Amino acid sequence: MGKCASKGGCAVPESTGPVLLGQGAHQQGPASKQASAKTGLVKLTYPVPGFQPSTDKDPALPGTVEATVLSSSPAGHFGAKGTVVFLHGAGGSAQEYNTLWKRGDIDVPSGYTITFVQSPRGAYGKKLATPWLQPSSVWAKEPKTLELQVDDDVRILKSVLSELQKEAGGYSKLWICGRSQGACLATLLAVAGVGPTVAGAFSIAATALPQLQDIPVGDIYSAPTQKKLSALRLGFYSGEEDRQFTDKRPGDKGGTLPLLKKTLTSFSDVHFWLKQGAGHSDIGPSKQYGGDAFKVLFAFVQEQDPAKAGVQGVEAW
């Protein structure tokens, strides 16, 4: 669906200053009303009234869904410049990022808020992680389950985003972002799930879900408007050696980046980056690799060059 999605990416203005300003400058407003690295992120909860799961396949959803969001800002004090809504990967949780936050590994630019949405699904198998979907290894074998789980997640997340945009100052102040399964959903939400045009989306280690490749226009999804095609900023960041979703490297023929580029060819503001030598599990953000991926993310959000965000080995694709 991007004129500008050619190999090498679109030109991004070079940084005129530091990408990140540090924990001490992470929000606006009185310090007493801000979440701090010491006290942790602020917990916000949003019920999803009237929701009924479409499938009980593992990882299953509860009958009554109440979404949990961990935020760097308390309600009523979100950053005026924008809010990043981040969806964790299948192998993690929102709490994992709270640990990074308390450790001081996540720097948020002044005027911005970052929020982490917790998947309401139960753990898959014996793992303590809370995925959004079944493992990608079974997607091709169980396409109907994948379709139903994606649809349910999108319905829940649209309800959560409706609440968060009120705090952020409108959908135009929201950046929908994520990692792995969360990144796949973030891209779908920004392009076809949320009707209004959001500020943009940044997806770490993602692929194109079936509903993104062929949008089923109806109650859940809508085709992007001309305004969205021209205004929505889309960024993708993958490890050079990531083979999570295909047997190909992301940048090679048959890999995830060519698939995303082809799928989003109608959009005019699409960008791709690779981290040299990195695989799916070591591109971050994670406990092991700190908050490096957030440096790349916030460079993109601030229209700076992610390849110059201080993370070694990041190159435009």
Protein backbone atom coordinates (compact mmCIF):
# COMPACT_ATOMS: atom_id res chain seq x y z
CA MET A 1 0.00 0.00 0.00
CA GLY A 2 4.29 3.48 -0.29
CA LYS A 3 5.84 5.48 -2.87
CA CYS A 4 8.60 6.15 -0.33
CA ALA A 5 9.10 2.56 0.77
CA SER A 6 11.94 1.87 -1.63
CA LYS A 7 15.11 0.14 -0.51
CA GLY A 8 17.14 2.58 1.54
CA GLY A 9 14.05 4.25 2.98
CA CYS A 10 12.88 7.85 2.86
CA ALA A 11 15.06 10.72 3.93
CA VAL A 12 14.73 11.42 7.63
CA PRO A 13 15.92 14.79 8.97
CA GLU A 14 19.23 14.47 10.77
CA SER A 15 19.27 14.99 14.49
CA THR A 16 19.95 18.52 15.60
CA GLY A 17 20.47 17.49 19.21
CA PRO A 18 20.41 14.54 21.57
CA VAL A 19 17.68 12.03 20.86
CA LEU A 20 16.98 11.35 24.51
CA LEU A 21 17.01 13.74 27.40
CA GLY A 22 17.20 11.22 30.24
CA GLN A 23 14.95 10.09 33.04
CA GLY A 24 15.14 13.42 34.81
CA ALA A 25 13.38 15.18 31.93
CA HIS A 26 10.97 12.45 30.89
CA GLN A 27 7.67 14.28 31.51
CA GLN A 28 6.03 17.63 31.91
CA GLY A 29 4.23 18.87 34.99
CA PRO A 30 5.02 18.74 38.72
CA ALA A 31 7.60 16.10 39.63
CA SER A 32 5.34 14.81 42.40
CA LYS A 33 2.82 13.74 39.78
CA GLN A 34 5.26 11.87 37.55
CA ALA A 35 6.18 8.22 37.54
CA SER A 36 9.84 7.81 38.43
CA ALA A 37 12.44 5.18 37.68
CA LYS A 38 12.53 4.37 41.39
CA THR A 39 8.79 3.97 42.01
CA GLY A 40 7.92 2.30 38.72
CA LEU A 41 5.28 2.90 36.09
CA VAL A 42 1.73 3.96 36.93
CA LYS A 43 -0.92 1.24 36.61
CA LEU A 44 -4.07 2.19 34.69
CA THR A 45 -7.00 -0.17 34.09
CA TYR A 46 -9.66 -0.03 31.40
CA PRO A 47 -12.63 -2.44 31.31
CA VAL A 48 -13.78 -3.63 27.90
CA PRO A 49 -17.56 -3.81 28.39
CA GLY A 50 -19.63 -6.27 26.39
CA PHE A 51 -16.64 -8.13 24.99
CA GLN A 52 -17.08 -11.82 24.19
CA PRO A 53 -14.14 -13.90 22.90
CA SER A 54 -14.56 -15.47 19.47
CA THR A 55 -12.46 -18.53 20.35
CA ASP A 56 -11.28 -20.34 23.46
CA LYS A 57 -8.11 -21.69 21.85
CA ASP A 58 -4.97 -21.16 23.92
CA PRO A 59 -3.72 -18.65 24.83
CA ALA A 60 -7.31 -18.00 25.83
CA LEU A 61 -9.00 -14.76 26.81
CA PRO A 62 -11.06 -14.48 30.01
CA GLY A 63 -14.79 -14.03 29.72
CA THR A 64 -14.52 -10.54 31.20
CA VAL A 65 -11.65 -8.42 29.94
CA GLU A 66 -10.09 -5.55 31.87
CA ALA A 67 -7.03 -4.16 30.14
CA THR A 68 -4.00 -3.19 32.22
CA VAL A 69 -1.72 -0.38 31.05
CA LEU A 70 1.55 0.68 32.71
CA SER A 71 2.30 4.35 32.07
CA SER A 72 5.19 6.75 32.61
CA SER A 73 2.58 9.44 33.35
CA PRO A 74 -0.44 9.35 35.66
CA ALA A 75 -3.92 9.93 34.25
CA GLY A 76 -4.48 13.59 33.49
CA HIS A 77 -0.78 14.34 33.02
CA PHE A 78 0.23 12.72 29.73
CA GLY A 79 2.98 14.45 27.72
CA ALA A 80 1.78 17.20 25.40
CA LYS A 81 4.01 16.15 22.49
CA GLY A 82 2.74 12.60 22.13
CA THR A 83 2.08 9.20 23.68
CA VAL A 84 3.75 5.94 22.65
CA VAL A 85 1.47 2.92 23.14
CA PHE A 86 3.73 -0.14 23.25
CA LEU A 87 2.56 -3.76 22.86
CA HIS A 88 4.96 -6.36 24.27
CA GLY A 89 6.03 -9.51 22.45
CA ALA A 90 4.80 -13.08 22.94
CA GLY A 91 7.72 -13.93 25.18
CA GLY A 92 7.26 -11.02 27.54
CA SER A 93 4.81 -8.83 29.39
CA ALA A 94 4.22 -5.20 30.32
CA GLN A 95 5.82 -5.97 33.68
CA GLU A 96 9.09 -6.75 31.90
CA TYR A 97 9.23 -3.11 30.79
CA ASN A 98 8.36 -1.91 34.27
CA THR A 99 11.52 -3.71 35.39
CA LEU A 100 13.52 -1.89 32.72
CA TRP A 101 11.92 1.38 33.77
CA LYS A 102 12.78 0.95 37.44
CA ARG A 103 16.31 0.03 36.43
CA GLY A 104 16.59 3.32 34.54
CA ASP A 105 17.01 1.69 31.11
CA ILE A 106 14.14 3.50 29.34
CA ASP A 107 14.67 7.16 28.55
CA VAL A 108 11.66 9.12 27.29
CA PRO A 109 12.11 12.54 25.64
CA SER A 110 10.70 15.57 27.40
CA GLY A 111 7.03 16.11 26.62
CA TYR A 112 6.29 12.46 25.77
CA THR A 113 4.56 9.62 27.62
CA ILE A 114 5.13 5.91 27.07
CA THR A 115 2.54 3.29 27.99
CA PHE A 116 2.78 -0.51 27.95
CA VAL A 117 -0.39 -2.52 27.33
CA GLN A 118 -0.56 -5.95 28.94
CA SER A 119 -2.03 -8.81 26.91
CA PRO A 120 -5.13 -10.09 28.74
CA ARG A 121 -4.55 -13.62 27.45
CA GLY A 122 -3.42 -16.42 29.73
CA ALA A 123 0.04 -17.95 29.59
CA TYR A 124 0.64 -20.39 26.73
CA GLY A 125 1.67 -23.83 27.94
CA LYS A 126 4.11 -23.72 30.85
CA LYS A 127 5.53 -20.30 30.00
CA LEU A 128 4.92 -17.37 32.32
CA ALA A 129 4.86 -14.94 29.39
CA THR A 130 1.47 -13.71 28.16
CA PRO A 131 1.33 -13.73 24.34
CA TRP A 132 -1.22 -11.98 22.16
CA LEU A 133 -1.61 -14.94 19.80
CA GLN A 134 -0.69 -18.58 19.30
CA PRO A 135 2.99 -19.16 18.42
CA SER A 136 3.86 -18.12 14.88
CA SER A 137 5.05 -21.67 14.20
CA VAL A 138 1.40 -22.82 14.02
CA TRP A 139 -0.11 -19.85 12.17
CA ALA A 140 -0.01 -21.56 8.77
CA LYS A 141 -1.56 -24.74 10.19
CA GLU A 142 -4.36 -22.96 12.05
CA PRO A 143 -5.26 -19.87 9.97
CA LYS A 144 -8.79 -19.63 11.37
CA THR A 145 -7.55 -19.55 14.97
CA LEU A 146 -5.03 -16.87 14.01
CA GLU A 147 -7.78 -14.84 12.34
CA LEU A 148 -10.11 -15.04 15.35
CA GLN A 149 -7.39 -14.28 17.89
CA VAL A 150 -6.16 -11.29 15.89
CA ASP A 151 -9.71 -9.95 15.53
CA ASP A 152 -10.34 -10.29 19.28
CA ASP A 153 -7.07 -8.56 20.15
CA VAL A 154 -7.83 -5.71 17.77
CA ARG A 155 -11.29 -5.24 19.27
CA ILE A 156 -9.79 -5.06 22.77
CA LEU A 157 -6.96 -2.76 21.76
CA LYS A 158 -9.26 -0.38 19.89
CA SER A 159 -11.19 0.03 23.14
CA VAL A 160 -7.96 0.70 25.06
CA LEU A 161 -6.74 3.19 22.45
CA SER A 162 -10.06 5.01 22.65
CA GLU A 163 -9.34 5.64 26.33
CA LEU A 164 -5.65 6.48 25.89
CA GLN A 165 -6.30 9.02 23.15
CA LYS A 166 -8.41 11.01 25.61
CA GLU A 167 -5.36 11.27 27.87
CA ALA A 168 -3.01 11.98 24.97
CA GLY A 169 -5.08 14.78 23.43
CA GLY A 170 -6.51 12.88 20.47
CA TYR A 171 -5.60 10.05 18.13
CA SER A 172 -3.19 12.32 16.26
CA LYS A 173 -0.96 12.27 19.38
CA LEU A 174 -0.75 8.46 19.56
CA TRP A 175 2.18 6.38 18.32
CA ILE A 176 1.19 2.71 18.17
CA CYS A 177 4.30 0.58 18.63
CA GLY A 178 5.32 -2.91 19.64
CA ARG A 179 7.64 -5.86 19.43
CA SER A 180 7.13 -9.20 17.63
CA GLN A 181 3.45 -10.24 17.99
CA GLY A 182 2.76 -6.85 19.57
CA ALA A 183 4.42 -5.14 16.60
CA CYS A 184 2.30 -7.12 14.13
CA LEU A 185 -0.84 -5.94 15.91
CA ALA A 186 0.46 -2.37 16.21
CA THR A 187 0.91 -2.11 12.43
CA LEU A 188 -2.53 -3.57 11.75
CA LEU A 189 -4.16 -1.21 14.26
CA ALA A 190 -2.51 1.90 12.83
CA VAL A 191 -3.28 1.02 9.21
CA ALA A 192 -6.73 -0.56 9.33
CA GLY A 193 -7.95 -0.99 12.92
CA VAL A 194 -8.20 2.60 14.15
CA GLY A 195 -10.30 4.78 11.87
CA PRO A 196 -8.72 8.16 12.73
CA THR A 197 -5.15 8.77 11.57
CA VAL A 198 -2.70 8.31 14.43
CA ALA A 199 0.69 10.04 14.55
CA GLY A 200 2.41 6.89 13.37
CA ALA A 201 3.50 3.34 14.12
CA PHE A 202 6.88 1.81 14.87
CA SER A 203 7.16 -1.97 14.74
CA ILE A 204 10.10 -3.96 16.06
CA ALA A 205 10.61 -7.44 14.53
CA ALA A 206 7.21 -7.60 12.81
CA THR A 207 5.54 -9.26 9.87
CA ALA A 208 2.32 -8.52 7.99
CA LEU A 209 -0.68 -10.32 9.48
CA PRO A 210 -3.30 -11.73 7.05
CA GLN A 211 -5.77 -8.92 7.90
CA LEU A 212 -3.13 -6.37 6.90
CA GLN A 213 -2.39 -8.05 3.58
CA ASP A 214 -6.08 -8.29 2.68
CA ILE A 215 -8.12 -5.92 4.85
CA PRO A 216 -11.56 -7.40 5.66
CA VAL A 217 -13.53 -4.14 5.68
CA GLY A 218 -16.41 -4.30 8.17
CA ASP A 219 -17.10 -3.72 11.85
CA ILE A 220 -13.50 -4.25 12.99
CA TYR A 221 -11.38 -2.94 10.10
CA SER A 222 -11.59 -0.13 7.57
CA ALA A 223 -9.59 0.60 4.45
CA PRO A 224 -7.15 3.49 4.95
CA THR A 225 -8.37 6.84 3.68
CA GLN A 226 -6.36 9.02 1.33
CA LYS A 227 -5.49 11.22 4.30
CA LYS A 228 -4.11 8.22 6.16
CA LEU A 229 -2.15 7.03 3.14
CA SER A 230 -0.39 10.38 2.89
CA ALA A 231 -0.05 11.29 6.59
CA LEU A 232 0.62 8.08 8.54
CA ARG A 233 4.30 7.53 9.36
CA LEU A 234 5.33 3.87 9.49
CA GLY A 235 8.68 2.60 10.73
CA PHE A 236 10.00 -0.98 10.87
CA TYR A 237 13.10 -2.19 12.72
CA SER A 238 14.34 -5.78 12.53
CA GLY A 239 17.43 -7.83 13.28
CA GLU A 240 19.44 -8.70 10.19
CA GLU A 241 19.37 -12.43 11.06
CA ASP A 242 15.78 -12.65 12.39
CA ARG A 243 13.98 -15.73 11.04
CA GLN A 244 11.07 -15.83 13.49
CA PHE A 245 8.28 -15.52 10.93
CA THR A 246 9.92 -16.96 7.80
CA ASP A 247 12.96 -19.06 6.91
CA LYS A 248 14.43 -15.98 5.23
CA ARG A 249 16.30 -13.07 6.72
CA PRO A 250 14.04 -9.97 6.99
CA GLY A 251 15.78 -8.01 4.22
CA ASP A 252 16.11 -10.89 1.75
CA LYS A 253 13.67 -11.86 -0.97
CA GLY A 254 10.78 -13.64 0.74
CA GLY A 255 11.59 -11.99 4.07
CA THR A 256 9.36 -9.86 6.27
CA LEU A 257 10.56 -6.45 5.06
CA PRO A 258 9.80 -7.05 1.35
CA LEU A 259 6.39 -8.41 2.43
CA LEU A 260 5.67 -5.31 4.51
CA LYS A 261 6.93 -3.02 1.74
CA LYS A 262 4.67 -4.70 -0.82
CA THR A 263 1.70 -4.69 1.57
CA LEU A 264 2.10 -0.99 2.39
CA THR A 265 3.03 0.22 -1.08
CA SER A 266 0.19 2.79 -1.17
CA PHE A 267 1.57 4.63 1.87
CA SER A 268 3.93 7.51 1.17
CA ASP A 269 5.89 7.60 4.45
CA VAL A 270 7.32 4.13 5.17
CA HIS A 271 10.81 3.45 6.53
CA PHE A 272 12.84 0.31 7.26
CA TRP A 273 15.93 -0.31 9.39
CA LEU A 274 18.03 -3.38 10.19
CA LYS A 275 20.44 -4.04 13.04
CA GLN A 276 23.49 -5.87 11.77
CA GLY A 277 24.03 -9.38 13.10
CA ALA A 278 20.96 -9.32 15.36
CA GLY A 279 18.35 -12.08 15.62
CA HIS A 280 14.76 -11.98 16.79
CA SER A 281 15.45 -12.32 20.50
CA ASP A 282 18.41 -9.95 20.70
CA ILE A 283 17.12 -6.84 18.96
CA GLY A 284 15.58 -5.59 22.22
CA PRO A 285 14.04 -3.99 24.10
CA SER A 286 14.60 -6.69 26.70
CA LYS A 287 16.17 -7.13 30.12
CA GLN A 288 19.38 -8.41 28.54
CA TYR A 289 19.76 -5.65 25.95
CA GLY A 290 18.44 -2.72 27.95
CA GLY A 291 16.45 0.01 26.25
CA ASP A 292 18.45 0.31 23.01
CA ALA A 293 15.43 -0.28 20.79
CA PHE A 294 13.64 2.64 22.45
CA LYS A 295 16.46 4.93 21.32
CA VAL A 296 15.72 3.89 17.73
CA LEU A 297 11.97 4.22 18.32
CA PHE A 298 12.13 7.72 19.81
CA ALA A 299 14.51 8.90 17.10
CA PHE A 300 11.84 7.93 14.57
CA VAL A 301 9.06 9.56 16.60
CA GLN A 302 11.04 12.82 16.76
CA GLU A 303 11.88 12.72 13.03
CA GLN A 304 15.55 12.14 13.74
CA ASP A 305 17.70 9.50 12.07
CA PRO A 306 17.39 6.13 13.88
CA ALA A 307 20.74 5.10 12.39
CA LYS A 308 22.31 7.92 14.46
CA ALA A 309 20.48 7.21 17.71
CA GLY A 310 23.50 5.73 19.46
CA VAL A 311 22.71 2.06 18.81
CA GLN A 312 25.56 0.26 17.09
CA GLY A 313 24.93 -1.44 13.75
CA VAL A 314 21.61 0.19 12.77
CA GLU A 315 21.31 0.82 9.04
CA ALA A 316 18.51 1.83 6.68
CA TRP A 317 17.18 -0.93 4.45
